[in-house]
Each structure stands twice: as C-alpha cells, then as structure tokens.
mmCIF file of all heavy atoms, coordinates in Angstrom:
data_MODEL
# 
_entry.id   MODEL 
# 
loop_
_atom_site.group_PDB 
_atom_site.id 
_atom_site.type_symbol 
_atom_site.label_atom_id 
_atom_site.label_alt_id 
_atom_site.label_comp_id 
_atom_site.label_asym_id 
_atom_site.label_entity_id 
_atom_site.label_seq_id 
_atom_site.pdbx_PDB_ins_code 
_atom_site.Cartn_x 
_atom_site.Cartn_y 
_atom_site.Cartn_z 
_atom_site.occupancy 
_atom_site.B_iso_or_equiv 
_atom_site.pdbx_formal_charge 
_atom_site.auth_seq_id 
_atom_site.auth_comp_id 
_atom_site.auth_asym_id 
_atom_site.auth_atom_id 
_atom_site.pdbx_PDB_model_num 
ATOM 1   N N   . GLU A 1 1  ? 152.116 50.326 51.436 1.00 0.00 ? 1  GLU A N   1 
ATOM 2   C CA  . GLU A 1 1  ? 152.576 49.429 52.507 1.00 0.00 ? 1  GLU A CA  1 
ATOM 3   C C   . GLU A 1 1  ? 151.390 48.808 53.246 1.00 0.00 ? 1  GLU A C   1 
ATOM 4   O O   . GLU A 1 1  ? 151.145 49.087 54.432 1.00 0.00 ? 1  GLU A O   1 
ATOM 5   C CB  . GLU A 1 1  ? 153.472 50.192 53.482 1.00 0.00 ? 1  GLU A CB  1 
ATOM 6   C CG  . GLU A 1 1  ? 154.537 49.335 54.132 1.00 0.00 ? 1  GLU A CG  1 
ATOM 7   C CD  . GLU A 1 1  ? 155.579 48.858 53.119 1.00 0.00 ? 1  GLU A CD  1 
ATOM 8   O OE1 . GLU A 1 1  ? 155.303 47.858 52.440 1.00 0.00 ? 1  GLU A OE1 1 
ATOM 9   O OE2 . GLU A 1 1  ? 156.644 49.469 53.006 1.00 0.00 ? 1  GLU A OE2 1 
ATOM 10  N N   . PRO A 1 2  ? 150.616 47.941 52.589 1.00 0.00 ? 2  PRO A N   1 
ATOM 11  C CA  . PRO A 1 2  ? 149.391 47.402 53.195 1.00 0.00 ? 2  PRO A CA  1 
ATOM 12  C C   . PRO A 1 2  ? 149.610 46.643 54.501 1.00 0.00 ? 2  PRO A C   1 
ATOM 13  O O   . PRO A 1 2  ? 148.698 46.575 55.320 1.00 0.00 ? 2  PRO A O   1 
ATOM 14  C CB  . PRO A 1 2  ? 148.850 46.461 52.107 1.00 0.00 ? 2  PRO A CB  1 
ATOM 15  C CG  . PRO A 1 2  ? 149.418 46.981 50.828 1.00 0.00 ? 2  PRO A CG  1 
ATOM 16  C CD  . PRO A 1 2  ? 150.777 47.495 51.185 1.00 0.00 ? 2  PRO A CD  1 
ATOM 17  N N   . LEU A 1 3  ? 150.802 46.074 54.696 1.00 0.00 ? 3  LEU A N   1 
ATOM 18  C CA  . LEU A 1 3  ? 151.039 45.299 55.915 1.00 0.00 ? 3  LEU A CA  1 
ATOM 19  C C   . LEU A 1 3  ? 151.350 46.171 57.126 1.00 0.00 ? 3  LEU A C   1 
ATOM 20  O O   . LEU A 1 3  ? 151.347 45.690 58.257 1.00 0.00 ? 3  LEU A O   1 
ATOM 21  C CB  . LEU A 1 3  ? 152.202 44.321 55.696 1.00 0.00 ? 3  LEU A CB  1 
ATOM 22  C CG  . LEU A 1 3  ? 151.973 43.220 54.653 1.00 0.00 ? 3  LEU A CG  1 
ATOM 23  C CD1 . LEU A 1 3  ? 153.207 42.338 54.557 1.00 0.00 ? 3  LEU A CD1 1 
ATOM 24  C CD2 . LEU A 1 3  ? 150.754 42.402 54.993 1.00 0.00 ? 3  LEU A CD2 1 
ATOM 25  N N   . ALA A 1 4  ? 151.633 47.449 56.904 1.00 0.00 ? 4  ALA A N   1 
ATOM 26  C CA  . ALA A 1 4  ? 151.994 48.319 58.022 1.00 0.00 ? 4  ALA A CA  1 
ATOM 27  C C   . ALA A 1 4  ? 150.804 48.489 58.957 1.00 0.00 ? 4  ALA A C   1 
ATOM 28  O O   . ALA A 1 4  ? 149.683 48.730 58.508 1.00 0.00 ? 4  ALA A O   1 
ATOM 29  C CB  . ALA A 1 4  ? 152.457 49.677 57.503 1.00 0.00 ? 4  ALA A CB  1 
ATOM 30  N N   . PRO A 1 5  ? 151.018 48.345 60.266 1.00 0.00 ? 5  PRO A N   1 
ATOM 31  C CA  . PRO A 1 5  ? 149.904 48.535 61.200 1.00 0.00 ? 5  PRO A CA  1 
ATOM 32  C C   . PRO A 1 5  ? 149.543 50.018 61.268 1.00 0.00 ? 5  PRO A C   1 
ATOM 33  O O   . PRO A 1 5  ? 150.391 50.878 61.061 1.00 0.00 ? 5  PRO A O   1 
ATOM 34  C CB  . PRO A 1 5  ? 150.484 48.042 62.521 1.00 0.00 ? 5  PRO A CB  1 
ATOM 35  C CG  . PRO A 1 5  ? 151.972 48.236 62.393 1.00 0.00 ? 5  PRO A CG  1 
ATOM 36  C CD  . PRO A 1 5  ? 152.276 48.038 60.945 1.00 0.00 ? 5  PRO A CD  1 
ATOM 37  N N   . LEU A 1 6  ? 148.305 50.302 61.506 1.00 0.00 ? 6  LEU A N   1 
ATOM 38  C CA  . LEU A 1 6  ? 147.196 49.432 61.821 1.00 0.00 ? 6  LEU A CA  1 
ATOM 39  C C   . LEU A 1 6  ? 145.981 49.870 61.020 1.00 0.00 ? 6  LEU A C   1 
ATOM 40  O O   . LEU A 1 6  ? 145.032 49.132 60.850 1.00 0.00 ? 6  LEU A O   1 
ATOM 41  C CB  . LEU A 1 6  ? 146.913 49.512 63.336 1.00 0.00 ? 6  LEU A CB  1 
ATOM 42  C CG  . LEU A 1 6  ? 145.860 48.632 63.968 1.00 0.00 ? 6  LEU A CG  1 
ATOM 43  C CD1 . LEU A 1 6  ? 146.227 47.171 63.829 1.00 0.00 ? 6  LEU A CD1 1 
ATOM 44  C CD2 . LEU A 1 6  ? 145.707 49.007 65.433 1.00 0.00 ? 6  LEU A CD2 1 
ATOM 45  N N   . ALA A 1 7  ? 146.042 51.126 60.553 1.00 0.00 ? 7  ALA A N   1 
ATOM 46  C CA  . ALA A 1 7  ? 144.828 51.787 60.081 1.00 0.00 ? 7  ALA A CA  1 
ATOM 47  C C   . ALA A 1 7  ? 144.230 51.148 58.834 1.00 0.00 ? 7  ALA A C   1 
ATOM 48  O O   . ALA A 1 7  ? 143.014 51.122 58.666 1.00 0.00 ? 7  ALA A O   1 
ATOM 49  C CB  . ALA A 1 7  ? 145.115 53.261 59.820 1.00 0.00 ? 7  ALA A CB  1 
ATOM 50  N N   . ALA A 1 8  ? 145.056 50.630 57.921 1.00 0.00 ? 8  ALA A N   1 
ATOM 51  C CA  . ALA A 1 8  ? 144.505 50.078 56.684 1.00 0.00 ? 8  ALA A CA  1 
ATOM 52  C C   . ALA A 1 8  ? 143.732 48.789 56.926 1.00 0.00 ? 8  ALA A C   1 
ATOM 53  O O   . ALA A 1 8  ? 142.957 48.365 56.063 1.00 0.00 ? 8  ALA A O   1 
ATOM 54  C CB  . ALA A 1 8  ? 145.632 49.819 55.684 1.00 0.00 ? 8  ALA A CB  1 
ATOM 55  N N   . TYR A 1 9  ? 143.895 48.174 58.086 1.00 0.00 ? 9  TYR A N   1 
ATOM 56  C CA  . TYR A 1 9  ? 143.239 46.893 58.330 1.00 0.00 ? 9  TYR A CA  1 
ATOM 57  C C   . TYR A 1 9  ? 141.716 47.031 58.394 1.00 0.00 ? 9  TYR A C   1 
ATOM 58  O O   . TYR A 1 9  ? 140.995 46.082 58.103 1.00 0.00 ? 9  TYR A O   1 
ATOM 59  C CB  . TYR A 1 9  ? 143.758 46.270 59.624 1.00 0.00 ? 9  TYR A CB  1 
ATOM 60  C CG  . TYR A 1 9  ? 145.205 45.830 59.547 1.00 0.00 ? 9  TYR A CG  1 
ATOM 61  C CD1 . TYR A 1 9  ? 145.966 46.030 58.401 1.00 0.00 ? 9  TYR A CD1 1 
ATOM 62  C CD2 . TYR A 1 9  ? 145.815 45.220 60.624 1.00 0.00 ? 9  TYR A CD2 1 
ATOM 63  C CE1 . TYR A 1 9  ? 147.286 45.647 58.333 1.00 0.00 ? 9  TYR A CE1 1 
ATOM 64  C CE2 . TYR A 1 9  ? 147.145 44.814 60.564 1.00 0.00 ? 9  TYR A CE2 1 
ATOM 65  C CZ  . TYR A 1 9  ? 147.871 45.035 59.411 1.00 0.00 ? 9  TYR A CZ  1 
ATOM 66  O OH  . TYR A 1 9  ? 149.185 44.640 59.350 1.00 0.00 ? 9  TYR A OH  1 
ATOM 67  N N   . GLY A 1 10 ? 141.234 48.203 58.754 1.00 0.00 ? 10 GLY A N   1 
ATOM 68  C CA  . GLY A 1 10 ? 139.792 48.422 58.741 1.00 0.00 ? 10 GLY A CA  1 
ATOM 69  C C   . GLY A 1 10 ? 139.229 48.318 57.337 1.00 0.00 ? 10 GLY A C   1 
ATOM 70  O O   . GLY A 1 10 ? 138.147 47.769 57.113 1.00 0.00 ? 10 GLY A O   1 
ATOM 71  N N   . LEU A 1 11 ? 139.970 48.822 56.355 1.00 0.00 ? 11 LEU A N   1 
ATOM 72  C CA  . LEU A 1 11 ? 139.537 48.715 54.965 1.00 0.00 ? 11 LEU A CA  1 
ATOM 73  C C   . LEU A 1 11 ? 139.540 47.271 54.506 1.00 0.00 ? 11 LEU A C   1 
ATOM 74  O O   . LEU A 1 11 ? 138.675 46.845 53.734 1.00 0.00 ? 11 LEU A O   1 
ATOM 75  C CB  . LEU A 1 11 ? 140.466 49.547 54.066 1.00 0.00 ? 11 LEU A CB  1 
ATOM 76  C CG  . LEU A 1 11 ? 140.558 51.048 54.346 1.00 0.00 ? 11 LEU A CG  1 
ATOM 77  C CD1 . LEU A 1 11 ? 141.540 51.694 53.391 1.00 0.00 ? 11 LEU A CD1 1 
ATOM 78  C CD2 . LEU A 1 11 ? 139.198 51.698 54.223 1.00 0.00 ? 11 LEU A CD2 1 
ATOM 79  N N   . VAL A 1 12 ? 140.506 46.509 54.984 1.00 0.00 ? 12 VAL A N   1 
ATOM 80  C CA  . VAL A 1 12 ? 140.596 45.103 54.603 1.00 0.00 ? 12 VAL A CA  1 
ATOM 81  C C   . VAL A 1 12 ? 139.388 44.323 55.123 1.00 0.00 ? 12 VAL A C   1 
ATOM 82  O O   . VAL A 1 12 ? 138.838 43.456 54.447 1.00 0.00 ? 12 VAL A O   1 
ATOM 83  C CB  . VAL A 1 12 ? 141.912 44.501 55.133 1.00 0.00 ? 12 VAL A CB  1 
ATOM 84  C CG1 . VAL A 1 12 ? 141.922 42.992 54.953 1.00 0.00 ? 12 VAL A CG1 1 
ATOM 85  C CG2 . VAL A 1 12 ? 143.103 45.131 54.427 1.00 0.00 ? 12 VAL A CG2 1 
ATOM 86  N N   . LEU A 1 13 ? 138.944 44.642 56.320 1.00 0.00 ? 13 LEU A N   1 
ATOM 87  C CA  . LEU A 1 13 ? 137.832 43.906 56.923 1.00 0.00 ? 13 LEU A CA  1 
ATOM 88  C C   . LEU A 1 13 ? 136.498 44.227 56.263 1.00 0.00 ? 13 LEU A C   1 
ATOM 89  O O   . LEU A 1 13 ? 135.643 43.358 56.099 1.00 0.00 ? 13 LEU A O   1 
ATOM 90  C CB  . LEU A 1 13 ? 137.773 44.205 58.420 1.00 0.00 ? 13 LEU A CB  1 
ATOM 91  C CG  . LEU A 1 13 ? 138.973 43.693 59.245 1.00 0.00 ? 13 LEU A CG  1 
ATOM 92  C CD1 . LEU A 1 13 ? 138.860 44.162 60.683 1.00 0.00 ? 13 LEU A CD1 1 
ATOM 93  C CD2 . LEU A 1 13 ? 139.078 42.178 59.180 1.00 0.00 ? 13 LEU A CD2 1 
ATOM 94  N N   . THR A 1 14 ? 136.300 45.487 55.872 1.00 0.00 ? 14 THR A N   1 
ATOM 95  C CA  . THR A 1 14 ? 135.006 45.859 55.282 1.00 0.00 ? 14 THR A CA  1 
ATOM 96  C C   . THR A 1 14 ? 135.004 45.814 53.766 1.00 0.00 ? 14 THR A C   1 
ATOM 97  O O   . THR A 1 14 ? 133.932 45.734 53.166 1.00 0.00 ? 14 THR A O   1 
ATOM 98  C CB  . THR A 1 14 ? 134.605 47.271 55.742 1.00 0.00 ? 14 THR A CB  1 
ATOM 99  O OG1 . THR A 1 14 ? 135.605 48.217 55.314 1.00 0.00 ? 14 THR A OG1 1 
ATOM 100 C CG2 . THR A 1 14 ? 134.461 47.338 57.252 1.00 0.00 ? 14 THR A CG2 1 
ATOM 101 N N   . ASP A 1 15 ? 136.198 45.891 53.151 1.00 0.00 ? 15 ASP A N   1 
ATOM 102 C CA  . ASP A 1 15 ? 136.311 45.797 51.693 1.00 0.00 ? 15 ASP A CA  1 
ATOM 103 C C   . ASP A 1 15 ? 135.356 46.757 50.995 1.00 0.00 ? 15 ASP A C   1 
ATOM 104 O O   . ASP A 1 15 ? 134.543 46.359 50.152 1.00 0.00 ? 15 ASP A O   1 
ATOM 105 C CB  . ASP A 1 15 ? 136.025 44.348 51.263 1.00 0.00 ? 15 ASP A CB  1 
ATOM 106 C CG  . ASP A 1 15 ? 136.491 44.065 49.835 1.00 0.00 ? 15 ASP A CG  1 
ATOM 107 O OD1 . ASP A 1 15 ? 137.339 44.815 49.319 1.00 0.00 ? 15 ASP A OD1 1 
ATOM 108 O OD2 . ASP A 1 15 ? 135.994 43.092 49.242 1.00 0.00 ? 15 ASP A OD2 1 
ATOM 109 N N   . PRO A 1 16 ? 135.445 48.084 51.285 1.00 0.00 ? 16 PRO A N   1 
ATOM 110 C CA  . PRO A 1 16 ? 134.412 49.010 50.808 1.00 0.00 ? 16 PRO A CA  1 
ATOM 111 C C   . PRO A 1 16 ? 134.556 49.458 49.363 1.00 0.00 ? 16 PRO A C   1 
ATOM 112 O O   . PRO A 1 16 ? 133.596 49.979 48.791 1.00 0.00 ? 16 PRO A O   1 
ATOM 113 C CB  . PRO A 1 16 ? 134.583 50.201 51.753 1.00 0.00 ? 16 PRO A CB  1 
ATOM 114 C CG  . PRO A 1 16 ? 136.043 50.194 52.088 1.00 0.00 ? 16 PRO A CG  1 
ATOM 115 C CD  . PRO A 1 16 ? 136.445 48.752 52.133 1.00 0.00 ? 16 PRO A CD  1 
ATOM 116 N N   . LEU A 1 17 ? 135.714 49.303 48.743 1.00 0.00 ? 17 LEU A N   1 
ATOM 117 C CA  . LEU A 1 17 ? 135.905 49.810 47.386 1.00 0.00 ? 17 LEU A CA  1 
ATOM 118 C C   . LEU A 1 17 ? 137.127 49.151 46.774 1.00 0.00 ? 17 LEU A C   1 
ATOM 119 O O   . LEU A 1 17 ? 137.900 48.484 47.465 1.00 0.00 ? 17 LEU A O   1 
ATOM 120 C CB  . LEU A 1 17 ? 136.037 51.336 47.379 1.00 0.00 ? 17 LEU A CB  1 
ATOM 121 C CG  . LEU A 1 17 ? 137.311 51.991 47.867 1.00 0.00 ? 17 LEU A CG  1 
ATOM 122 C CD1 . LEU A 1 17 ? 137.283 53.478 47.543 1.00 0.00 ? 17 LEU A CD1 1 
ATOM 123 C CD2 . LEU A 1 17 ? 137.545 51.801 49.341 1.00 0.00 ? 17 LEU A CD2 1 
ATOM 124 N N   . PRO A 1 18 ? 137.340 49.297 45.474 1.00 0.00 ? 18 PRO A N   1 
ATOM 125 C CA  . PRO A 1 18 ? 138.522 48.708 44.841 1.00 0.00 ? 18 PRO A CA  1 
ATOM 126 C C   . PRO A 1 18 ? 139.803 49.197 45.516 1.00 0.00 ? 18 PRO A C   1 
ATOM 127 O O   . PRO A 1 18 ? 139.923 50.385 45.847 1.00 0.00 ? 18 PRO A O   1 
ATOM 128 C CB  . PRO A 1 18 ? 138.437 49.194 43.394 1.00 0.00 ? 18 PRO A CB  1 
ATOM 129 C CG  . PRO A 1 18 ? 137.003 49.504 43.179 1.00 0.00 ? 18 PRO A CG  1 
ATOM 130 C CD  . PRO A 1 18 ? 136.484 49.998 44.490 1.00 0.00 ? 18 PRO A CD  1 
ATOM 131 N N   . MET A 1 19 ? 140.767 48.288 45.698 1.00 0.00 ? 19 MET A N   1 
ATOM 132 C CA  . MET A 1 19 ? 141.991 48.646 46.410 1.00 0.00 ? 19 MET A CA  1 
ATOM 133 C C   . MET A 1 19 ? 143.225 48.186 45.645 1.00 0.00 ? 19 MET A C   1 
ATOM 134 O O   . MET A 1 19 ? 143.275 47.055 45.153 1.00 0.00 ? 19 MET A O   1 
ATOM 135 C CB  . MET A 1 19 ? 141.992 48.055 47.812 1.00 0.00 ? 19 MET A CB  1 
ATOM 136 C CG  . MET A 1 19 ? 141.036 48.752 48.768 1.00 0.00 ? 19 MET A CG  1 
ATOM 137 S SD  . MET A 1 19 ? 141.175 48.174 50.471 1.00 0.00 ? 19 MET A SD  1 
ATOM 138 C CE  . MET A 1 19 ? 140.234 46.643 50.371 1.00 0.00 ? 19 MET A CE  1 
ATOM 139 N N   . VAL A 1 20 ? 144.198 49.068 45.577 1.00 0.00 ? 20 VAL A N   1 
ATOM 140 C CA  . VAL A 1 20 ? 145.517 48.771 45.031 1.00 0.00 ? 20 VAL A CA  1 
ATOM 141 C C   . VAL A 1 20 ? 146.506 48.836 46.187 1.00 0.00 ? 20 VAL A C   1 
ATOM 142 O O   . VAL A 1 20 ? 146.511 49.801 46.955 1.00 0.00 ? 20 VAL A O   1 
ATOM 143 C CB  . VAL A 1 20 ? 145.913 49.787 43.931 1.00 0.00 ? 20 VAL A CB  1 
ATOM 144 C CG1 . VAL A 1 20 ? 147.366 49.588 43.520 1.00 0.00 ? 20 VAL A CG1 1 
ATOM 145 C CG2 . VAL A 1 20 ? 144.982 49.657 42.743 1.00 0.00 ? 20 VAL A CG2 1 
ATOM 146 N N   . GLY A 1 21 ? 147.315 47.810 46.337 1.00 0.00 ? 21 GLY A N   1 
ATOM 147 C CA  . GLY A 1 21 ? 148.321 47.803 47.385 1.00 0.00 ? 21 GLY A CA  1 
ATOM 148 C C   . GLY A 1 21 ? 149.709 47.913 46.796 1.00 0.00 ? 21 GLY A C   1 
ATOM 149 O O   . GLY A 1 21 ? 150.073 47.145 45.897 1.00 0.00 ? 21 GLY A O   1 
ATOM 150 N N   . THR A 1 22 ? 150.500 48.887 47.259 1.00 0.00 ? 22 THR A N   1 
ATOM 151 C CA  . THR A 1 22 ? 151.891 49.010 46.845 1.00 0.00 ? 22 THR A CA  1 
ATOM 152 C C   . THR A 1 22 ? 152.790 48.606 48.004 1.00 0.00 ? 22 THR A C   1 
ATOM 153 O O   . THR A 1 22 ? 152.752 49.225 49.065 1.00 0.00 ? 22 THR A O   1 
ATOM 154 C CB  . THR A 1 22 ? 152.216 50.442 46.381 1.00 0.00 ? 22 THR A CB  1 
ATOM 155 O OG1 . THR A 1 22 ? 151.457 50.741 45.208 1.00 0.00 ? 22 THR A OG1 1 
ATOM 156 C CG2 . THR A 1 22 ? 153.693 50.569 46.041 1.00 0.00 ? 22 THR A CG2 1 
ATOM 157 N N   . TYR A 1 23 ? 153.588 47.584 47.783 1.00 0.00 ? 23 TYR A N   1 
ATOM 158 C CA  . TYR A 1 23 ? 154.487 47.038 48.793 1.00 0.00 ? 23 TYR A CA  1 
ATOM 159 C C   . TYR A 1 23 ? 155.879 47.629 48.571 1.00 0.00 ? 23 TYR A C   1 
ATOM 160 O O   . TYR A 1 23 ? 156.475 47.458 47.508 1.00 0.00 ? 23 TYR A O   1 
ATOM 161 C CB  . TYR A 1 23 ? 154.536 45.516 48.703 1.00 0.00 ? 23 TYR A CB  1 
ATOM 162 C CG  . TYR A 1 23 ? 153.242 44.828 49.099 1.00 0.00 ? 23 TYR A CG  1 
ATOM 163 C CD1 . TYR A 1 23 ? 152.076 44.972 48.339 1.00 0.00 ? 23 TYR A CD1 1 
ATOM 164 C CD2 . TYR A 1 23 ? 153.187 44.031 50.233 1.00 0.00 ? 23 TYR A CD2 1 
ATOM 165 C CE1 . TYR A 1 23 ? 150.893 44.353 48.702 1.00 0.00 ? 23 TYR A CE1 1 
ATOM 166 C CE2 . TYR A 1 23 ? 151.997 43.397 50.609 1.00 0.00 ? 23 TYR A CE2 1 
ATOM 167 C CZ  . TYR A 1 23 ? 150.857 43.560 49.825 1.00 0.00 ? 23 TYR A CZ  1 
ATOM 168 O OH  . TYR A 1 23 ? 149.687 42.937 50.184 1.00 0.00 ? 23 TYR A OH  1 
ATOM 169 N N   . HIS A 1 24 ? 156.397 48.313 49.587 1.00 0.00 ? 24 HIS A N   1 
ATOM 170 C CA  . HIS A 1 24 ? 157.673 49.008 49.480 1.00 0.00 ? 24 HIS A CA  1 
ATOM 171 C C   . HIS A 1 24 ? 158.815 48.293 50.192 1.00 0.00 ? 24 HIS A C   1 
ATOM 172 O O   . HIS A 1 24 ? 159.967 48.421 49.792 1.00 0.00 ? 24 HIS A O   1 
ATOM 173 C CB  . HIS A 1 24 ? 157.564 50.416 50.092 1.00 0.00 ? 24 HIS A CB  1 
ATOM 174 C CG  . HIS A 1 24 ? 156.661 51.342 49.356 1.00 0.00 ? 24 HIS A CG  1 
ATOM 175 N ND1 . HIS A 1 24 ? 157.112 52.258 48.434 1.00 0.00 ? 24 HIS A ND1 1 
ATOM 176 C CD2 . HIS A 1 24 ? 155.307 51.514 49.414 1.00 0.00 ? 24 HIS A CD2 1 
ATOM 177 C CE1 . HIS A 1 24 ? 156.100 52.958 47.951 1.00 0.00 ? 24 HIS A CE1 1 
ATOM 178 N NE2 . HIS A 1 24 ? 154.989 52.522 48.536 1.00 0.00 ? 24 HIS A NE2 1 
ATOM 179 N N   . ARG A 1 25 ? 158.519 47.580 51.246 1.00 0.00 ? 25 ARG A N   1 
ATOM 180 C CA  . ARG A 1 25 ? 159.563 47.122 52.148 1.00 0.00 ? 25 ARG A CA  1 
ATOM 181 C C   . ARG A 1 25 ? 160.359 45.964 51.566 1.00 0.00 ? 25 ARG A C   1 
ATOM 182 O O   . ARG A 1 25 ? 159.863 45.155 50.784 1.00 0.00 ? 25 ARG A O   1 
ATOM 183 C CB  . ARG A 1 25 ? 158.973 46.720 53.500 1.00 0.00 ? 25 ARG A CB  1 
ATOM 184 C CG  . ARG A 1 25 ? 158.104 45.496 53.452 1.00 0.00 ? 25 ARG A CG  1 
ATOM 185 C CD  . ARG A 1 25 ? 157.453 45.199 54.802 1.00 0.00 ? 25 ARG A CD  1 
ATOM 186 N NE  . ARG A 1 25 ? 158.398 44.952 55.857 1.00 0.00 ? 25 ARG A NE  1 
ATOM 187 C CZ  . ARG A 1 25 ? 158.538 45.716 56.931 1.00 0.00 ? 25 ARG A CZ  1 
ATOM 188 N NH1 . ARG A 1 25 ? 157.781 46.778 57.097 1.00 0.00 ? 25 ARG A NH1 1 
ATOM 189 N NH2 . ARG A 1 25 ? 159.411 45.412 57.849 1.00 0.00 ? 25 ARG A NH2 1 
ATOM 190 N N   . SER A 1 26 ? 161.619 45.890 52.001 1.00 0.00 ? 26 SER A N   1 
ATOM 191 C CA  . SER A 1 26 ? 162.499 44.772 51.678 1.00 0.00 ? 26 SER A CA  1 
ATOM 192 C C   . SER A 1 26 ? 162.884 44.104 52.981 1.00 0.00 ? 26 SER A C   1 
ATOM 193 O O   . SER A 1 26 ? 163.518 44.719 53.841 1.00 0.00 ? 26 SER A O   1 
ATOM 194 C CB  . SER A 1 26 ? 163.752 45.267 50.943 1.00 0.00 ? 26 SER A CB  1 
ATOM 195 O OG  . SER A 1 26 ? 164.687 44.224 50.780 1.00 0.00 ? 26 SER A OG  1 
ATOM 196 N N   . GLY A 1 27 ? 162.478 42.857 53.169 1.00 0.00 ? 27 GLY A N   1 
ATOM 197 C CA  . GLY A 1 27 ? 162.770 42.141 54.412 1.00 0.00 ? 27 GLY A CA  1 
ATOM 198 C C   . GLY A 1 27 ? 161.565 42.105 55.325 1.00 0.00 ? 27 GLY A C   1 
ATOM 199 O O   . GLY A 1 27 ? 160.833 43.089 55.462 1.00 0.00 ? 27 GLY A O   1 
# 
C-alpha cells in the first residue's frame, strides 16, 4: 500500500534501494 501515509514516503524521497509496490485498495 505505497499510498498509505506516511512512513513509506521517506523511502520515496531518498530512493535508497530497489522497490516493489503492492497496491491493495479498491476506491
């Protein structure tokens, strides 16, 4: 759930390693 706030956003800003995002939500 990459869009869920807030903690993963730090990884997005620094881009420190390969990332796989799994999106679970509907709506």
